[in-house]
C-alpha atoms as a PDB file:
ATOM      1  CA  HIS A   1     -20.271   7.613   5.840  1.00  0.00           C
ATOM      2  CA  GLY A   2     -18.565   7.275   2.482  1.00  0.00           C
ATOM      3  CA  TYR A   3     -18.310   9.669  -0.410  1.00  0.00           C
ATOM      4  CA  ALA A   4     -21.794   9.123  -1.801  1.00  0.00           C
ATOM      5  CA  ALA A   5     -23.534   9.535   1.556  1.00  0.00           C
ATOM      6  CA  VAL A   6     -21.765  12.642   2.835  1.00  0.00           C
ATOM      7  CA  SER A   7     -22.654  16.200   1.880  1.00  0.00           C
ATOM      8  CA  MET A   8     -20.458  19.272   1.777  1.00  0.00           C
ATOM      9  CA  ARG A   9     -22.635  20.651   4.592  1.00  0.00           C
ATOM     10  CA  ALA A  10     -21.802  17.584   6.740  1.00  0.00           C
ATOM     11  CA  ILE A  11     -18.099  17.938   5.940  1.00  0.00           C
ATOM     12  CA  ALA A  12     -18.196  21.614   6.916  1.00  0.00           C
ATOM     13  CA  ALA A  13     -19.912  20.753  10.202  1.00  0.00           C
ATOM     14  CA  GLU A  14     -17.336  18.041  10.955  1.00  0.00           C
ATOM     15  CA  VAL A  15     -14.406  20.422  10.485  1.00  0.00           C
ATOM     16  CA  GLY A  16     -16.157  23.230  12.346  1.00  0.00           C
ATOM     17  CA  VAL A  17     -16.736  25.765   9.578  1.00  0.00           C
ATOM     18  CA  GLN A  18     -19.744  27.195   7.829  1.00  0.00           C
ATOM     19  CA  PRO A  19     -20.532  25.544   4.472  1.00  0.00           C
ATOM     20  CA  GLY A  20     -19.706  28.770   2.644  1.00  0.00           C
ATOM     21  CA  ALA A  21     -16.253  28.840   4.223  1.00  0.00           C
ATOM     22  CA  LEU A  22     -15.569  25.302   2.986  1.00  0.00           C
ATOM     23  CA  TYR A  23     -16.324  26.429  -0.557  1.00  0.00           C
ATOM     24  CA  ASN A  24     -13.548  29.007  -0.217  1.00  0.00           C
ATOM     25  CA  HIS A  25     -11.125  26.055  -0.190  1.00  0.00           C
ATOM     26  CA  VAL A  26     -12.751  23.466  -2.460  1.00  0.00           C
ATOM     27  CA  ALA A  27     -15.421  24.007  -5.091  1.00  0.00           C
ATOM     28  CA  THR A  28     -16.888  20.503  -5.039  1.00  0.00           C
ATOM     29  CA  LYS A  29     -16.884  17.278  -3.123  1.00  0.00           C
ATOM     30  CA  GLN A  30     -15.130  15.684  -6.123  1.00  0.00           C
ATOM     31  CA  GLU A  31     -12.321  18.251  -5.846  1.00  0.00           C
ATOM     32  CA  LEU A  32     -11.926  17.388  -2.166  1.00  0.00           C
ATOM     33  CA  LEU A  33     -11.740  13.668  -2.962  1.00  0.00           C
ATOM     34  CA  HIS A  34      -9.234  14.404  -5.736  1.00  0.00           C
ATOM     35  CA  ASP A  35      -7.051  16.417  -3.384  1.00  0.00           C
ATOM     36  CA  LEU A  36      -7.137  13.702  -0.710  1.00  0.00           C
ATOM     37  CA  MET A  37      -6.294  10.853  -3.070  1.00  0.00           C
ATOM     38  CA  VAL A  38      -3.724  12.597  -5.240  1.00  0.00           C
ATOM     39  CA  GLY A  39      -2.117  14.144  -2.162  1.00  0.00           C
ATOM     40  CA  HIS A  40      -1.897  10.702  -0.554  1.00  0.00           C
ATOM     41  CA  MET A  41      -0.135   9.240  -3.577  1.00  0.00           C
ATOM     42  CA  HIS A  42       2.258  12.185  -4.016  1.00  0.00           C
ATOM     43  CA  ALA A  43       3.233  11.997  -0.339  1.00  0.00           C
ATOM     44  CA  LEU A  44       3.761   8.226  -0.601  1.00  0.00           C
ATOM     45  CA  LEU A  45       5.951   8.562  -3.704  1.00  0.00           C
ATOM     46  CA  ALA A  46       7.962  11.413  -2.172  1.00  0.00           C
ATOM     47  CA  ALA A  47       8.580   9.424   1.005  1.00  0.00           C
ATOM     48  CA  TRP A  48       9.632   6.351  -1.001  1.00  0.00           C
ATOM     49  CA  ALA A  49      12.021   8.488  -3.077  1.00  0.00           C
ATOM     50  CA  GLU A  50      13.872   9.342   0.146  1.00  0.00           C
ATOM     51  CA  GLU A  51      14.370   5.688   1.132  1.00  0.00           C
ATOM     52  CA  PRO A  52      17.734   3.943   0.663  1.00  0.00           C
ATOM     53  CA  ARG A  53      17.653   1.264  -2.032  1.00  0.00           C
ATOM     54  CA  PRO A  54      19.605  -1.891  -1.232  1.00  0.00           C
ATOM     55  CA  LYS A  55      21.144  -3.543  -4.290  1.00  0.00           C
ATOM     56  CA  ASP A  56      20.403  -7.088  -3.103  1.00  0.00           C
ATOM     57  CA  PRO A  57      16.870  -8.026  -4.293  1.00  0.00           C
ATOM     58  CA  ALA A  58      15.866  -9.748  -1.033  1.00  0.00           C
ATOM     59  CA  ALA A  59      17.073  -6.774   1.007  1.00  0.00           C
ATOM     60  CA  ALA A  60      15.295  -4.426  -1.405  1.00  0.00           C
ATOM     61  CA  LEU A  61      12.016  -6.339  -1.039  1.00  0.00           C
ATOM     62  CA  ALA A  62      12.411  -6.275   2.748  1.00  0.00           C
ATOM     63  CA  ALA A  63      13.075  -2.521   2.606  1.00  0.00           C
ATOM     64  CA  PHE A  64      10.022  -1.925   0.400  1.00  0.00           C
ATOM     65  CA  THR A  65       7.853  -4.019   2.730  1.00  0.00           C
ATOM     66  CA  ARG A  66       9.128  -2.215   5.825  1.00  0.00           C
ATOM     67  CA  PHE A  67       8.625   1.194   4.181  1.00  0.00           C
ATOM     68  CA  HIS A  68       5.122   0.382   2.980  1.00  0.00           C
ATOM     69  CA  LEU A  69       4.009  -0.771   6.423  1.00  0.00           C
ATOM     70  CA  ARG A  70       5.638   2.105   8.298  1.00  0.00           C
ATOM     71  CA  TRP A  71       4.115   4.644   5.968  1.00  0.00           C
ATOM     72  CA  HIS A  72       0.629   3.136   5.864  1.00  0.00           C
ATOM     73  CA  LEU A  73       0.033   1.938   9.444  1.00  0.00           C
ATOM     74  CA  PRO A  74      -0.381   5.415  10.953  1.00  0.00           C
ATOM     75  CA  ARG A  75      -2.535   6.535   7.999  1.00  0.00           C
ATOM     76  CA  GLY A  76      -5.325   3.978   8.127  1.00  0.00           C
ATOM     77  CA  ALA A  77      -8.131   6.450   7.382  1.00  0.00           C
ATOM     78  CA  ALA A  78      -6.308   7.936   4.378  1.00  0.00           C
ATOM     79  CA  VAL A  79      -5.518   4.450   3.085  1.00  0.00           C
ATOM     80  CA  PHE A  80      -9.169   3.466   3.444  1.00  0.00           C
ATOM     81  CA  VAL A  81     -10.317   6.506   1.458  1.00  0.00           C
ATOM     82  CA  SER A  82      -7.591   6.015  -1.154  1.00  0.00           C
ATOM     83  CA  TYR A  83      -8.674   2.461  -1.891  1.00  0.00           C
ATOM     84  CA  MET A  84     -12.388   2.353  -1.149  1.00  0.00           C
ATOM     85  CA  GLU A  85     -13.391   5.572  -2.872  1.00  0.00           C
ATOM     86  CA  LEU A  86     -11.699   4.901  -6.216  1.00  0.00           C
ATOM     87  CA  ARG A  87     -15.103   4.001  -7.614  1.00  0.00           C
ATOM     88  CA  ASN A  88     -16.350   7.531  -6.914  1.00  0.00           C
ATOM     89  CA  LEU A  89     -13.662   9.352  -8.863  1.00  0.00           C
ATOM     90  CA  GLU A  90     -14.519  11.051 -12.117  1.00  0.00           C
ATOM     91  CA  PRO A  91     -12.678   9.430 -15.052  1.00  0.00           C
ATOM     92  CA  GLU A  92      -9.994  12.107 -15.346  1.00  0.00           C
ATOM     93  CA  THR A  93      -9.141  11.982 -11.648  1.00  0.00           C
ATOM     94  CA  PHE A  94      -9.273   8.183 -11.658  1.00  0.00           C
ATOM     95  CA  ALA A  95      -6.704   8.143 -14.468  1.00  0.00           C
ATOM     96  CA  GLU A  96      -4.464  10.538 -12.523  1.00  0.00           C
ATOM     97  CA  VAL A  97      -4.627   8.436  -9.355  1.00  0.00           C
ATOM     98  CA  GLU A  98      -4.055   5.210 -11.292  1.00  0.00           C
ATOM     99  CA  THR A  99      -0.976   6.723 -12.964  1.00  0.00           C
ATOM    100  CA  LEU A 100       0.463   7.560  -9.543  1.00  0.00           C
ATOM    101  CA  ARG A 101      -0.401   4.104  -8.204  1.00  0.00           C
ATOM    102  CA  ARG A 102       1.310   2.483 -11.195  1.00  0.00           C
ATOM    103  CA  ARG A 103       4.434   4.556 -10.513  1.00  0.00           C
ATOM    104  CA  TYR A 104       4.580   3.127  -7.003  1.00  0.00           C
ATOM    105  CA  GLU A 105       3.819  -0.394  -8.184  1.00  0.00           C
ATOM    106  CA  THR A 106       6.586  -0.059 -10.800  1.00  0.00           C
ATOM    107  CA  GLU A 107       9.090   0.392  -7.982  1.00  0.00           C
ATOM    108  CA  LEU A 108       8.166  -2.975  -6.490  1.00  0.00           C
ATOM    109  CA  ARG A 109       7.894  -4.609  -9.903  1.00  0.00           C
ATOM    110  CA  ALA A 110      11.484  -3.565 -10.632  1.00  0.00           C
ATOM    111  CA  ILE A 111      12.685  -5.170  -7.387  1.00  0.00           C
ATOM    112  CA  LEU A 112      10.840  -8.385  -8.227  1.00  0.00           C
ATOM    113  CA  ALA A 113      12.098  -8.458 -11.815  1.00  0.00           C
ATOM    114  CA  GLN A 114      15.680  -7.922 -10.633  1.00  0.00           C
ATOM    115  CA  GLY A 115      15.302 -10.771  -8.152  1.00  0.00           C
ATOM    116  CA  ALA A 116      13.792 -13.045 -10.809  1.00  0.00           C
ATOM    117  CA  ARG A 117      16.677 -12.306 -13.204  1.00  0.00           C
ATOM    118  CA  ALA A 118      19.163 -13.055 -10.417  1.00  0.00           C
ATOM    119  CA  GLY A 119      17.390 -16.333  -9.612  1.00  0.00           C
ATOM    120  CA  VAL A 120      16.610 -15.116  -6.087  1.00  0.00           C
ATOM    121  CA  PHE A 121      12.840 -14.839  -6.681  1.00  0.00           C
ATOM    122  CA  HIS A 122      10.296 -16.910  -8.534  1.00  0.00           C
ATOM    123  CA  ALA A 123       8.172 -14.190 -10.102  1.00  0.00           C
ATOM    124  CA  PRO A 124       7.174 -15.240 -13.637  1.00  0.00           C
ATOM    125  CA  ASP A 125       4.911 -12.178 -13.841  1.00  0.00           C
ATOM    126  CA  PRO A 126       6.358  -9.392 -11.666  1.00  0.00           C
ATOM    127  CA  SER A 127       3.274  -7.222 -12.296  1.00  0.00           C
ATOM    128  CA  VAL A 128       0.920  -9.784 -10.758  1.00  0.00           C
ATOM    129  CA  ALA A 129       3.337 -10.465  -7.902  1.00  0.00           C
ATOM    130  CA  ALA A 130       3.687  -6.723  -7.217  1.00  0.00           C
ATOM    131  CA  ARG A 131      -0.081  -6.210  -7.099  1.00  0.00           C
ATOM    132  CA  ALA A 132      -0.511  -9.206  -4.791  1.00  0.00           C
ATOM    133  CA  ILE A 133       2.206  -8.047  -2.406  1.00  0.00           C
ATOM    134  CA  ILE A 134       0.921  -4.463  -2.321  1.00  0.00           C
ATOM    135  CA  ALA A 135      -2.614  -5.718  -1.633  1.00  0.00           C
ATOM    136  CA  MET A 136      -1.307  -7.891   1.198  1.00  0.00           C
ATOM    137  CA  LEU A 137       0.739  -5.055   2.691  1.00  0.00           C
ATOM    138  CA  THR A 138      -2.002  -2.461   2.402  1.00  0.00           C
ATOM    139  CA  GLY A 139      -4.575  -4.835   3.866  1.00  0.00           C
ATOM    140  CA  VAL A 140      -2.840  -4.637   7.249  1.00  0.00           C
ATOM    141  CA  THR A 141      -4.545  -1.281   7.803  1.00  0.00           C
ATOM    142  CA  ASN A 142      -7.894  -3.105   7.939  1.00  0.00           C
ATOM    143  CA  TRP A 143      -7.018  -5.002  11.104  1.00  0.00           C
ATOM    144  CA  TYR A 144      -4.034  -3.302  12.761  1.00  0.00           C
ATOM    145  CA  ARG A 145      -4.720  -1.464  16.007  1.00  0.00           C
ATOM    146  CA  PRO A 146      -1.995   0.367  17.958  1.00  0.00           C
ATOM    147  CA  ASP A 147      -3.226  -1.282  21.160  1.00  0.00           C
ATOM    148  CA  GLY A 148      -3.364  -4.731  19.526  1.00  0.00           C
ATOM    149  CA  PRO A 149      -1.205  -7.746  20.361  1.00  0.00           C
ATOM    150  CA  LEU A 150       1.476  -7.081  17.718  1.00  0.00           C
ATOM    151  CA  SER A 151       3.855  -4.149  17.581  1.00  0.00           C
ATOM    152  CA  PRO A 152       4.634  -2.526  14.231  1.00  0.00           C
ATOM    153  CA  ALA A 153       8.098  -4.133  14.361  1.00  0.00           C
ATOM    154  CA  GLU A 154       6.566  -7.584  14.860  1.00  0.00           C
ATOM    155  CA  ILE A 155       4.161  -6.981  11.981  1.00  0.00           C
ATOM    156  CA  GLU A 156       7.050  -5.863   9.773  1.00  0.00           C
ATOM    157  CA  SER A 157       8.977  -9.035  10.549  1.00  0.00           C
ATOM    158  CA  ILE A 158       5.993 -11.260   9.773  1.00  0.00           C
ATOM    159  CA  TYR A 159       5.139  -9.412   6.577  1.00  0.00           C
ATOM    160  CA  ILE A 160       8.734  -9.384   5.351  1.00  0.00           C
ATOM    161  CA  ASP A 161       8.774 -13.178   5.741  1.00  0.00           C
ATOM    162  CA  MET A 162       5.467 -13.446   3.879  1.00  0.00           C
ATOM    163  CA  ALA A 163       6.573 -11.129   1.051  1.00  0.00           C
ATOM    164  CA  LEU A 164       9.843 -13.019   0.606  1.00  0.00           C
ATOM    165  CA  GLY A 165       7.986 -16.322   0.825  1.00  0.00           C
ATOM    166  CA  ALA A 166       5.512 -15.226  -1.839  1.00  0.00           C
ATOM    167  CA  VAL A 167       8.316 -14.983  -4.395  1.00  0.00           C
ATOM    168  CA  ALA A 168      10.655 -17.632  -3.025  1.00  0.00           C
ATOM    169  CA  PRO A 169      12.211 -19.911  -5.636  1.00  0.00           C
ATOM    170  CA  ARG A 170      10.216 -23.106  -6.051  1.00  0.00           C
ATOM    171  CA  GLU A 171      13.049 -25.184  -4.569  1.00  0.00           C
ATOM    172  CA  ALA A 172      12.880 -23.136  -1.356  1.00  0.00           C
ATOM    173  CA  VAL A 173       9.109 -23.589  -1.184  1.00  0.00           C
ATOM    174  CA  ALA A 174       9.478 -27.357  -1.664  1.00  0.00           C
ATOM    175  CA  GLU A 175      12.105 -27.476   1.103  1.00  0.00           C
ATOM    176  CA  ARG A 176       9.820 -25.560   3.463  1.00  0.00           C
ATOM    177  CA  GLU A 177       6.947 -27.933   2.715  1.00  0.00           C
ATOM    178  CA  ASP A 178       9.209 -30.949   3.301  1.00  0.00           C
ATOM    179  CA  ASP A 179      10.404 -29.470   6.598  1.00  0.00           C
ATOM    180  CA  ALA A 180       6.831 -28.730   7.688  1.00  0.00           C
ATOM    181  CA  CYS A 181       5.727 -32.275   6.903  1.00  0.00           C
ATOM    182  CA  SER A 182       8.640 -33.844   8.766  1.00  0.00           C
ATOM    183  CA  THR A 183       8.363 -31.662  11.862  1.00  0.00           C
ATOM    184  CA  PRO A 184       6.380 -33.354  14.636  1.00  0.00           C
ATOM    185  CA  ALA A 185       3.356 -31.389  15.805  1.00  0.00           C
END
């Protein structure tokens, strides 16, 4: 129903406790939203910290893409809350969540900047490229269904190609366009 439309009484009923019992765990609906969103980001950052980091920028971007999808696909509801309910956070909590989100984004930005310095990526503004790639990767949770036509591995392969293509050097993009134009339909 969304943050604004749901009451603590409705939350208590959904989890099968009396409203008073819910207040033994969280004082307010805002505290519950804080715990969900901050917990989501801490878990994401902790999981990413455990991932191996390839030195090659293209391999690192592929690893980041694969990690992001594997972590987010089974957590569609948490991802939805973490992105759609930002507007309902009180300023202090919003700042805390944004700081955690920037920490995660900084990881991708570093990969993109390294690739740009090495001439492997065309990313004149790694911050913009990082935000665009994260938005693309996170958006998969809006349409992915476990019983859908694509397996997670197939989605990973497609999204790795798209992420690498998004920052491909301009020469590579021009070659792809030339190949596409010369290939008979």
